[in-house]
Amino acid sequence: MNSSAHRKELGHFLKAHRAELGPRTVGPPETDRRRRVAGLRRDEVAVLATISTNYYTRLEQGRTPPPRNYDGLRFLSSWAAAQQGG
């Protein structure tokens, strides 16, 4: 699989898991404003990953390769574990 395919696969993973988890699952503070999405918004994921919303958006769209050793993105793997029950 080439790097473009890897970026695309990562983007699909991020988008799918962002949609499946809500704010209560990962801990961003609830706001009084009405939510337009059931899952997490991109800006909420970016805050949790300690990256900019713009950078997260590019990752999700498969336009930016992920950094090789970036601890801020490690929490994303917990999404898959949460969905699989462990």
PDB file of N, CA and C in Angstrom:
ATOM      1  N   MET A   1       0.846  -1.168   0.000  1.00  0.00           N
ATOM      2  CA  MET A   1       0.000   0.000   0.000  1.00  0.00           C
ATOM      3  C   MET A   1       0.897   1.238   0.000  1.00  0.00           C
ATOM      4  N   ASN A   2       0.626   2.187  -0.897  1.00  0.00           N
ATOM      5  CA  ASN A   2       1.465   3.382  -0.974  1.00  0.00           C
ATOM      6  C   ASN A   2       1.053   4.414   0.075  1.00  0.00           C
ATOM      7  N   SER A   3       1.853   5.474   0.194  1.00  0.00           N
ATOM      8  CA  SER A   3       1.603   6.458   1.253  1.00  0.00           C
ATOM      9  C   SER A   3       0.282   7.189   1.061  1.00  0.00           C
ATOM     10  N   SER A   4      -0.113   7.412  -0.177  1.00  0.00           N
ATOM     11  CA  SER A   4      -1.400   8.057  -0.433  1.00  0.00           C
ATOM     12  C   SER A   4      -2.550   7.190   0.065  1.00  0.00           C
ATOM     13  N   ALA A   5      -2.457   5.898  -0.158  1.00  0.00           N
ATOM     14  CA  ALA A   5      -3.491   4.971   0.310  1.00  0.00           C
ATOM     15  C   ALA A   5      -3.513   4.912   1.835  1.00  0.00           C
ATOM     16  N   HIS A   6      -2.331   4.975   2.460  1.00  0.00           N
ATOM     17  CA  HIS A   6      -2.263   4.982   3.928  1.00  0.00           C
ATOM     18  C   HIS A   6      -2.935   6.233   4.495  1.00  0.00           C
ATOM     19  N   ARG A   7      -2.663   7.390   3.875  1.00  0.00           N
ATOM     20  CA  ARG A   7      -3.280   8.635   4.339  1.00  0.00           C
ATOM     21  C   ARG A   7      -4.792   8.574   4.192  1.00  0.00           C
ATOM     22  N   LYS A   8      -5.248   8.007   3.080  1.00  0.00           N
ATOM     23  CA  LYS A   8      -6.688   7.888   2.847  1.00  0.00           C
ATOM     24  C   LYS A   8      -7.329   6.955   3.876  1.00  0.00           C
ATOM     25  N   GLU A   9      -6.666   5.846   4.166  1.00  0.00           N
ATOM     26  CA  GLU A   9      -7.164   4.892   5.161  1.00  0.00           C
ATOM     27  C   GLU A   9      -7.219   5.536   6.551  1.00  0.00           C
ATOM     28  N   LEU A  10      -6.185   6.288   6.911  1.00  0.00           N
ATOM     29  CA  LEU A  10      -6.182   7.003   8.185  1.00  0.00           C
ATOM     30  C   LEU A  10      -7.344   7.988   8.241  1.00  0.00           C
ATOM     31  N   GLY A  11      -7.571   8.695   7.165  1.00  0.00           N
ATOM     32  CA  GLY A  11      -8.673   9.650   7.113  1.00  0.00           C
ATOM     33  C   GLY A  11     -10.021   8.993   7.330  1.00  0.00           C
ATOM     34  N   HIS A  12     -10.242   7.846   6.690  1.00  0.00           N
ATOM     35  CA  HIS A  12     -11.502   7.113   6.880  1.00  0.00           C
ATOM     36  C   HIS A  12     -11.651   6.661   8.332  1.00  0.00           C
ATOM     37  N   PHE A  13     -10.561   6.178   8.921  1.00  0.00           N
ATOM     38  CA  PHE A  13     -10.579   5.745  10.318  1.00  0.00           C
ATOM     39  C   PHE A  13     -10.953   6.905  11.235  1.00  0.00           C
ATOM     40  N   LEU A  14     -10.283   8.044  11.067  1.00  0.00           N
ATOM     41  CA  LEU A  14     -10.538   9.194  11.926  1.00  0.00           C
ATOM     42  C   LEU A  14     -11.980   9.667  11.816  1.00  0.00           C
ATOM     43  N   LYS A  15     -12.454   9.780  10.589  1.00  0.00           N
ATOM     44  CA  LYS A  15     -13.819  10.266  10.377  1.00  0.00           C
ATOM     45  C   LYS A  15     -14.851   9.307  10.963  1.00  0.00           C
ATOM     46  N   ALA A  16     -14.664   8.014  10.747  1.00  0.00           N
ATOM     47  CA  ALA A  16     -15.619   7.024  11.247  1.00  0.00           C
ATOM     48  C   ALA A  16     -15.683   7.034  12.768  1.00  0.00           C
ATOM     49  N   HIS A  17     -14.540   7.074  13.409  1.00  0.00           N
ATOM     50  CA  HIS A  17     -14.524   7.025  14.867  1.00  0.00           C
ATOM     51  C   HIS A  17     -14.927   8.353  15.495  1.00  0.00           C
ATOM     52  N   ARG A  18     -14.658   9.451  14.827  1.00  0.00           N
ATOM     53  CA  ARG A  18     -15.121  10.758  15.320  1.00  0.00           C
ATOM     54  C   ARG A  18     -16.647  10.786  15.341  1.00  0.00           C
ATOM     55  N   ALA A  19     -17.270  10.181  14.330  1.00  0.00           N
ATOM     56  CA  ALA A  19     -18.731  10.165  14.245  1.00  0.00           C
ATOM     57  C   ALA A  19     -19.360   9.241  15.283  1.00  0.00           C
ATOM     58  N   GLU A  20     -18.645   8.189  15.673  1.00  0.00           N
ATOM     59  CA  GLU A  20     -19.194   7.191  16.592  1.00  0.00           C
ATOM     60  C   GLU A  20     -19.151   7.614  18.054  1.00  0.00           C
ATOM     61  N   LEU A  21     -18.216   8.462  18.409  1.00  0.00           N
ATOM     62  CA  LEU A  21     -18.049   8.828  19.817  1.00  0.00           C
ATOM     63  C   LEU A  21     -18.566  10.229  20.080  1.00  0.00           C
ATOM     64  N   GLY A  22     -19.226  10.378  21.194  1.00  0.00           N
ATOM     65  CA  GLY A  22     -19.727  11.680  21.592  1.00  0.00           C
ATOM     66  C   GLY A  22     -18.833  12.321  22.627  1.00  0.00           C
ATOM     67  N   PRO A  23     -19.105  13.560  22.957  1.00  0.00           N
ATOM     68  CA  PRO A  23     -18.278  14.278  23.925  1.00  0.00           C
ATOM     69  C   PRO A  23     -18.198  13.603  25.286  1.00  0.00           C
ATOM     70  N   ARG A  24     -19.257  12.993  25.727  1.00  0.00           N
ATOM     71  CA  ARG A  24     -19.233  12.350  27.047  1.00  0.00           C
ATOM     72  C   ARG A  24     -18.278  11.168  27.085  1.00  0.00           C
ATOM     73  N   THR A  25     -18.037  10.540  25.947  1.00  0.00           N
ATOM     74  CA  THR A  25     -17.157   9.380  25.886  1.00  0.00           C
ATOM     75  C   THR A  25     -15.702   9.750  26.141  1.00  0.00           C
ATOM     76  N   VAL A  26     -15.268  10.879  25.598  1.00  0.00           N
ATOM     77  CA  VAL A  26     -13.853  11.246  25.691  1.00  0.00           C
ATOM     78  C   VAL A  26     -13.572  12.437  26.584  1.00  0.00           C
ATOM     79  N   GLY A  27     -14.594  13.128  27.018  1.00  0.00           N
ATOM     80  CA  GLY A  27     -14.416  14.121  28.041  1.00  0.00           C
ATOM     81  C   GLY A  27     -14.375  15.596  27.721  1.00  0.00           C
ATOM     82  N   PRO A  28     -14.569  16.067  26.471  1.00  0.00           N
ATOM     83  CA  PRO A  28     -14.619  17.521  26.316  1.00  0.00           C
ATOM     84  C   PRO A  28     -15.810  18.079  27.091  1.00  0.00           C
ATOM     85  N   PRO A  29     -15.705  19.276  27.578  1.00  0.00           N
ATOM     86  CA  PRO A  29     -16.807  19.835  28.353  1.00  0.00           C
ATOM     87  C   PRO A  29     -18.061  20.020  27.507  1.00  0.00           C
ATOM     88  N   GLU A  30     -19.189  19.749  28.113  1.00  0.00           N
ATOM     89  CA  GLU A  30     -20.473  19.979  27.454  1.00  0.00           C
ATOM     90  C   GLU A  30     -20.690  21.485  27.347  1.00  0.00           C
ATOM     91  N   THR A  31     -21.325  21.902  26.283  1.00  0.00           N
ATOM     92  CA  THR A  31     -21.666  23.309  26.126  1.00  0.00           C
ATOM     93  C   THR A  31     -23.175  23.437  26.079  1.00  0.00           C
ATOM     94  N   ASP A  32     -23.630  24.642  26.273  1.00  0.00           N
ATOM     95  CA  ASP A  32     -25.067  24.887  26.237  1.00  0.00           C
ATOM     96  C   ASP A  32     -25.604  24.934  24.816  1.00  0.00           C
ATOM     97  N   ARG A  33     -24.734  25.144  23.856  1.00  0.00           N
ATOM     98  CA  ARG A  33     -25.238  25.267  22.488  1.00  0.00           C
ATOM     99  C   ARG A  33     -25.672  23.914  21.943  1.00  0.00           C
ATOM    100  N   ARG A  34     -26.610  23.973  21.056  1.00  0.00           N
ATOM    101  CA  ARG A  34     -27.167  22.761  20.466  1.00  0.00           C
ATOM    102  C   ARG A  34     -26.157  22.132  19.512  1.00  0.00           C
ATOM    103  N   ARG A  35     -25.994  20.842  19.620  1.00  0.00           N
ATOM    104  CA  ARG A  35     -25.039  20.122  18.774  1.00  0.00           C
ATOM    105  C   ARG A  35     -25.667  19.812  17.432  1.00  0.00           C
ATOM    106  N   ARG A  36     -24.905  19.998  16.384  1.00  0.00           N
ATOM    107  CA  ARG A  36     -25.383  19.679  15.042  1.00  0.00           C
ATOM    108  C   ARG A  36     -24.949  18.290  14.606  1.00  0.00           C
ATOM    109  N   VAL A  37     -24.034  17.693  15.338  1.00  0.00           N
ATOM    110  CA  VAL A  37     -23.565  16.340  15.026  1.00  0.00           C
ATOM    111  C   VAL A  37     -23.668  15.487  16.280  1.00  0.00           C
ATOM    112  N   ALA A  38     -23.939  14.210  16.087  1.00  0.00           N
ATOM    113  CA  ALA A  38     -24.031  13.300  17.231  1.00  0.00           C
ATOM    114  C   ALA A  38     -22.649  12.980  17.789  1.00  0.00           C
ATOM    115  N   GLY A  39     -21.664  12.859  16.916  1.00  0.00           N
ATOM    116  CA  GLY A  39     -20.308  12.527  17.340  1.00  0.00           C
ATOM    117  C   GLY A  39     -19.512  13.766  17.697  1.00  0.00           C
ATOM    118  N   LEU A  40     -18.209  13.590  17.769  1.00  0.00           N
ATOM    119  CA  LEU A  40     -17.316  14.705  18.068  1.00  0.00           C
ATOM    120  C   LEU A  40     -17.151  15.589  16.845  1.00  0.00           C
ATOM    121  N   ARG A  41     -16.974  16.873  17.090  1.00  0.00           N
ATOM    122  CA  ARG A  41     -16.649  17.798  16.006  1.00  0.00           C
ATOM    123  C   ARG A  41     -15.138  17.763  15.791  1.00  0.00           C
ATOM    124  N   ARG A  42     -14.712  18.189  14.627  1.00  0.00           N
ATOM    125  CA  ARG A  42     -13.277  18.197  14.324  1.00  0.00           C
ATOM    126  C   ARG A  42     -12.494  19.022  15.334  1.00  0.00           C
ATOM    127  N   ASP A  43     -13.030  20.163  15.726  1.00  0.00           N
ATOM    128  CA  ASP A  43     -12.292  21.005  16.669  1.00  0.00           C
ATOM    129  C   ASP A  43     -12.141  20.329  18.028  1.00  0.00           C
ATOM    130  N   GLU A  44     -13.111  19.508  18.430  1.00  0.00           N
ATOM    131  CA  GLU A  44     -13.001  18.786  19.697  1.00  0.00           C
ATOM    132  C   GLU A  44     -11.906  17.727  19.632  1.00  0.00           C
ATOM    133  N   VAL A  45     -11.821  17.028  18.508  1.00  0.00           N
ATOM    134  CA  VAL A  45     -10.762  16.026  18.340  1.00  0.00           C
ATOM    135  C   VAL A  45      -9.401  16.712  18.310  1.00  0.00           C
ATOM    136  N   ALA A  46      -9.319  17.830  17.623  1.00  0.00           N
ATOM    137  CA  ALA A  46      -8.052  18.559  17.536  1.00  0.00           C
ATOM    138  C   ALA A  46      -7.567  18.992  18.918  1.00  0.00           C
ATOM    139  N   VAL A  47      -8.469  19.467  19.753  1.00  0.00           N
ATOM    140  CA  VAL A  47      -8.094  19.865  21.117  1.00  0.00           C
ATOM    141  C   VAL A  47      -7.566  18.659  21.883  1.00  0.00           C
ATOM    142  N   LEU A  48      -8.265  17.531  21.773  1.00  0.00           N
ATOM    143  CA  LEU A  48      -7.831  16.324  22.478  1.00  0.00           C
ATOM    144  C   LEU A  48      -6.470  15.835  21.992  1.00  0.00           C
ATOM    145  N   ALA A  49      -6.198  16.017  20.712  1.00  0.00           N
ATOM    146  CA  ALA A  49      -4.931  15.566  20.133  1.00  0.00           C
ATOM    147  C   ALA A  49      -3.832  16.616  20.234  1.00  0.00           C
ATOM    148  N   THR A  50      -4.158  17.770  20.762  1.00  0.00           N
ATOM    149  CA  THR A  50      -3.243  18.905  20.869  1.00  0.00           C
ATOM    150  C   THR A  50      -2.636  19.284  19.523  1.00  0.00           C
ATOM    151  N   ILE A  51      -3.507  19.354  18.524  1.00  0.00           N
ATOM    152  CA  ILE A  51      -3.117  19.818  17.192  1.00  0.00           C
ATOM    153  C   ILE A  51      -4.139  20.856  16.745  1.00  0.00           C
ATOM    154  N   SER A  52      -3.833  21.566  15.681  1.00  0.00           N
ATOM    155  CA  SER A  52      -4.784  22.561  15.189  1.00  0.00           C
ATOM    156  C   SER A  52      -5.949  21.874  14.476  1.00  0.00           C
ATOM    157  N   THR A  53      -7.075  22.559  14.455  1.00  0.00           N
ATOM    158  CA  THR A  53      -8.237  22.037  13.739  1.00  0.00           C
ATOM    159  C   THR A  53      -7.910  21.890  12.258  1.00  0.00           C
ATOM    160  N   ASN A  54      -7.157  22.839  11.723  1.00  0.00           N
ATOM    161  CA  ASN A  54      -6.770  22.774  10.319  1.00  0.00           C
ATOM    162  C   ASN A  54      -5.946  21.523  10.030  1.00  0.00           C
ATOM    163  N   TYR A  55      -4.980  21.227  10.890  1.00  0.00           N
ATOM    164  CA  TYR A  55      -4.138  20.047  10.682  1.00  0.00           C
ATOM    165  C   TYR A  55      -4.961  18.769  10.800  1.00  0.00           C
ATOM    166  N   TYR A  56      -5.848  18.707  11.805  1.00  0.00           N
ATOM    167  CA  TYR A  56      -6.699  17.524  11.942  1.00  0.00           C
ATOM    168  C   TYR A  56      -7.568  17.341  10.700  1.00  0.00           C
ATOM    169  N   THR A  57      -8.127  18.422  10.192  1.00  0.00           N
ATOM    170  CA  THR A  57      -8.970  18.349   8.991  1.00  0.00           C
ATOM    171  C   THR A  57      -8.179  17.787   7.821  1.00  0.00           C
ATOM    172  N   ARG A  58      -6.936  18.250   7.660  1.00  0.00           N
ATOM    173  CA  ARG A  58      -6.101  17.730   6.567  1.00  0.00           C
ATOM    174  C   ARG A  58      -5.792  16.257   6.763  1.00  0.00           C
ATOM    175  N   LEU A  59      -5.560  15.818   8.017  1.00  0.00           N
ATOM    176  CA  LEU A  59      -5.340  14.389   8.282  1.00  0.00           C
ATOM    177  C   LEU A  59      -6.571  13.582   7.882  1.00  0.00           C
ATOM    178  N   GLU A  60      -7.737  14.069   8.294  1.00  0.00           N
ATOM    179  CA  GLU A  60      -8.978  13.352   8.020  1.00  0.00           C
ATOM    180  C   GLU A  60      -9.267  13.286   6.523  1.00  0.00           C
ATOM    181  N   GLN A  61      -8.868  14.296   5.796  1.00  0.00           N
ATOM    182  CA  GLN A  61      -9.093  14.331   4.352  1.00  0.00           C
ATOM    183  C   GLN A  61      -7.988  13.624   3.571  1.00  0.00           C
ATOM    184  N   GLY A  62      -7.001  13.096   4.274  1.00  0.00           N
ATOM    185  CA  GLY A  62      -5.925  12.364   3.615  1.00  0.00           C
ATOM    186  C   GLY A  62      -4.943  13.251   2.878  1.00  0.00           C
ATOM    187  N   ARG A  63      -4.882  14.526   3.233  1.00  0.00           N
ATOM    188  CA  ARG A  63      -4.007  15.464   2.531  1.00  0.00           C
ATOM    189  C   ARG A  63      -2.662  15.671   3.208  1.00  0.00           C
ATOM    190  N   THR A  64      -2.509  15.217   4.438  1.00  0.00           N
ATOM    191  CA  THR A  64      -1.280  15.444   5.190  1.00  0.00           C
ATOM    192  C   THR A  64      -0.814  14.140   5.811  1.00  0.00           C
ATOM    193  N   PRO A  65       0.445  13.775   5.613  1.00  0.00           N
ATOM    194  CA  PRO A  65       0.927  12.565   6.293  1.00  0.00           C
ATOM    195  C   PRO A  65       1.020  12.809   7.791  1.00  0.00           C
ATOM    196  N   PRO A  66       0.658  11.818   8.597  1.00  0.00           N
ATOM    197  CA  PRO A  66       0.767  11.994  10.046  1.00  0.00           C
ATOM    198  C   PRO A  66       2.226  12.023  10.475  1.00  0.00           C
ATOM    199  N   PRO A  67       2.534  12.727  11.559  1.00  0.00           N
ATOM    200  CA  PRO A  67       3.907  12.725  12.057  1.00  0.00           C
ATOM    201  C   PRO A  67       4.290  11.335  12.544  1.00  0.00           C
ATOM    202  N   ARG A  68       5.547  11.007  12.444  1.00  0.00           N
ATOM    203  CA  ARG A  68       6.003   9.655  12.794  1.00  0.00           C
ATOM    204  C   ARG A  68       5.917   9.365  14.291  1.00  0.00           C
ATOM    205  N   ASN A  69       6.330  10.290  15.107  1.00  0.00           N
ATOM    206  CA  ASN A  69       6.373  10.059  16.560  1.00  0.00           C
ATOM    207  C   ASN A  69       5.603  11.154  17.282  1.00  0.00           C
ATOM    208  N   TYR A  70       4.322  11.183  17.111  1.00  0.00           N
ATOM    209  CA  TYR A  70       3.525  12.244  17.703  1.00  0.00           C
ATOM    210  C   TYR A  70       2.599  11.684  18.772  1.00  0.00           C
ATOM    211  N   ASP A  71       2.926  11.945  20.019  1.00  0.00           N
ATOM    212  CA  ASP A  71       2.160  11.415  21.147  1.00  0.00           C
ATOM    213  C   ASP A  71       0.740  11.952  21.204  1.00  0.00           C
ATOM    214  N   GLY A  72       0.512  13.157  20.696  1.00  0.00           N
ATOM    215  CA  GLY A  72      -0.815  13.749  20.742  1.00  0.00           C
ATOM    216  C   GLY A  72      -1.857  12.978  19.961  1.00  0.00           C
ATOM    217  N   LEU A  73      -1.437  12.175  18.992  1.00  0.00           N
ATOM    218  CA  LEU A  73      -2.389  11.390  18.207  1.00  0.00           C
ATOM    219  C   LEU A  73      -2.597   9.990  18.761  1.00  0.00           C
ATOM    220  N   ARG A  74      -1.824   9.600  19.755  1.00  0.00           N
ATOM    221  CA  ARG A  74      -1.942   8.233  20.281  1.00  0.00           C
ATOM    222  C   ARG A  74      -3.313   7.937  20.868  1.00  0.00           C
ATOM    223  N   PHE A  75      -3.964   8.953  21.421  1.00  0.00           N
ATOM    224  CA  PHE A  75      -5.270   8.700  22.014  1.00  0.00           C
ATOM    225  C   PHE A  75      -6.282   8.229  20.976  1.00  0.00           C
ATOM    226  N   LEU A  76      -6.039   8.526  19.709  1.00  0.00           N
ATOM    227  CA  LEU A  76      -6.972   8.111  18.660  1.00  0.00           C
ATOM    228  C   LEU A  76      -7.095   6.597  18.583  1.00  0.00           C
ATOM    229  N   SER A  77      -6.034   5.892  18.899  1.00  0.00           N
ATOM    230  CA  SER A  77      -6.106   4.432  18.866  1.00  0.00           C
ATOM    231  C   SER A  77      -7.044   3.894  19.937  1.00  0.00           C
ATOM    232  N   SER A  78      -7.275   4.669  20.987  1.00  0.00           N
ATOM    233  CA  SER A  78      -8.213   4.225  22.027  1.00  0.00           C
ATOM    234  C   SER A  78      -9.641   4.214  21.514  1.00  0.00           C
ATOM    235  N   TRP A  79      -9.923   4.940  20.460  1.00  0.00           N
ATOM    236  CA  TRP A  79     -11.263   4.916  19.858  1.00  0.00           C
ATOM    237  C   TRP A  79     -11.590   3.515  19.390  1.00  0.00           C
ATOM    238  N   ALA A  80     -10.649   2.912  18.690  1.00  0.00           N
ATOM    239  CA  ALA A  80     -10.880   1.553  18.183  1.00  0.00           C
ATOM    240  C   ALA A  80     -11.059   0.583  19.343  1.00  0.00           C
ATOM    241  N   ALA A  81     -10.242   0.727  20.378  1.00  0.00           N
ATOM    242  CA  ALA A  81     -10.359  -0.154  21.540  1.00  0.00           C
ATOM    243  C   ALA A  81     -11.700   0.036  22.234  1.00  0.00           C
ATOM    244  N   ALA A  82     -12.160   1.266  22.334  1.00  0.00           N
ATOM    245  CA  ALA A  82     -13.454   1.535  22.973  1.00  0.00           C
ATOM    246  C   ALA A  82     -14.593   0.908  22.183  1.00  0.00           C
ATOM    247  N   GLN A  83     -14.479   0.939  20.871  1.00  0.00           N
ATOM    248  CA  GLN A  83     -15.522   0.367  20.027  1.00  0.00           C
ATOM    249  C   GLN A  83     -15.529  -1.152  20.096  1.00  0.00           C
ATOM    250  N   GLN A  84     -14.357  -1.735  20.375  1.00  0.00           N
ATOM    251  CA  GLN A  84     -14.249  -3.189  20.441  1.00  0.00           C
ATOM    252  C   GLN A  84     -14.416  -3.704  21.866  1.00  0.00           C
ATOM    253  N   GLY A  85     -14.718  -2.808  22.780  1.00  0.00           N
ATOM    254  CA  GLY A  85     -14.970  -3.210  24.157  1.00  0.00           C
ATOM    255  C   GLY A  85     -13.738  -3.405  25.007  1.00  0.00           C
ATOM    256  N   GLY A  86     -12.618  -2.858  24.613  1.00  0.00           N
ATOM    257  CA  GLY A  86     -11.446  -3.037  25.452  1.00  0.00           C
ATOM    258  C   GLY A  86     -10.365  -2.181  25.016  1.00  0.00           C
TER     259      GLY A  86
END
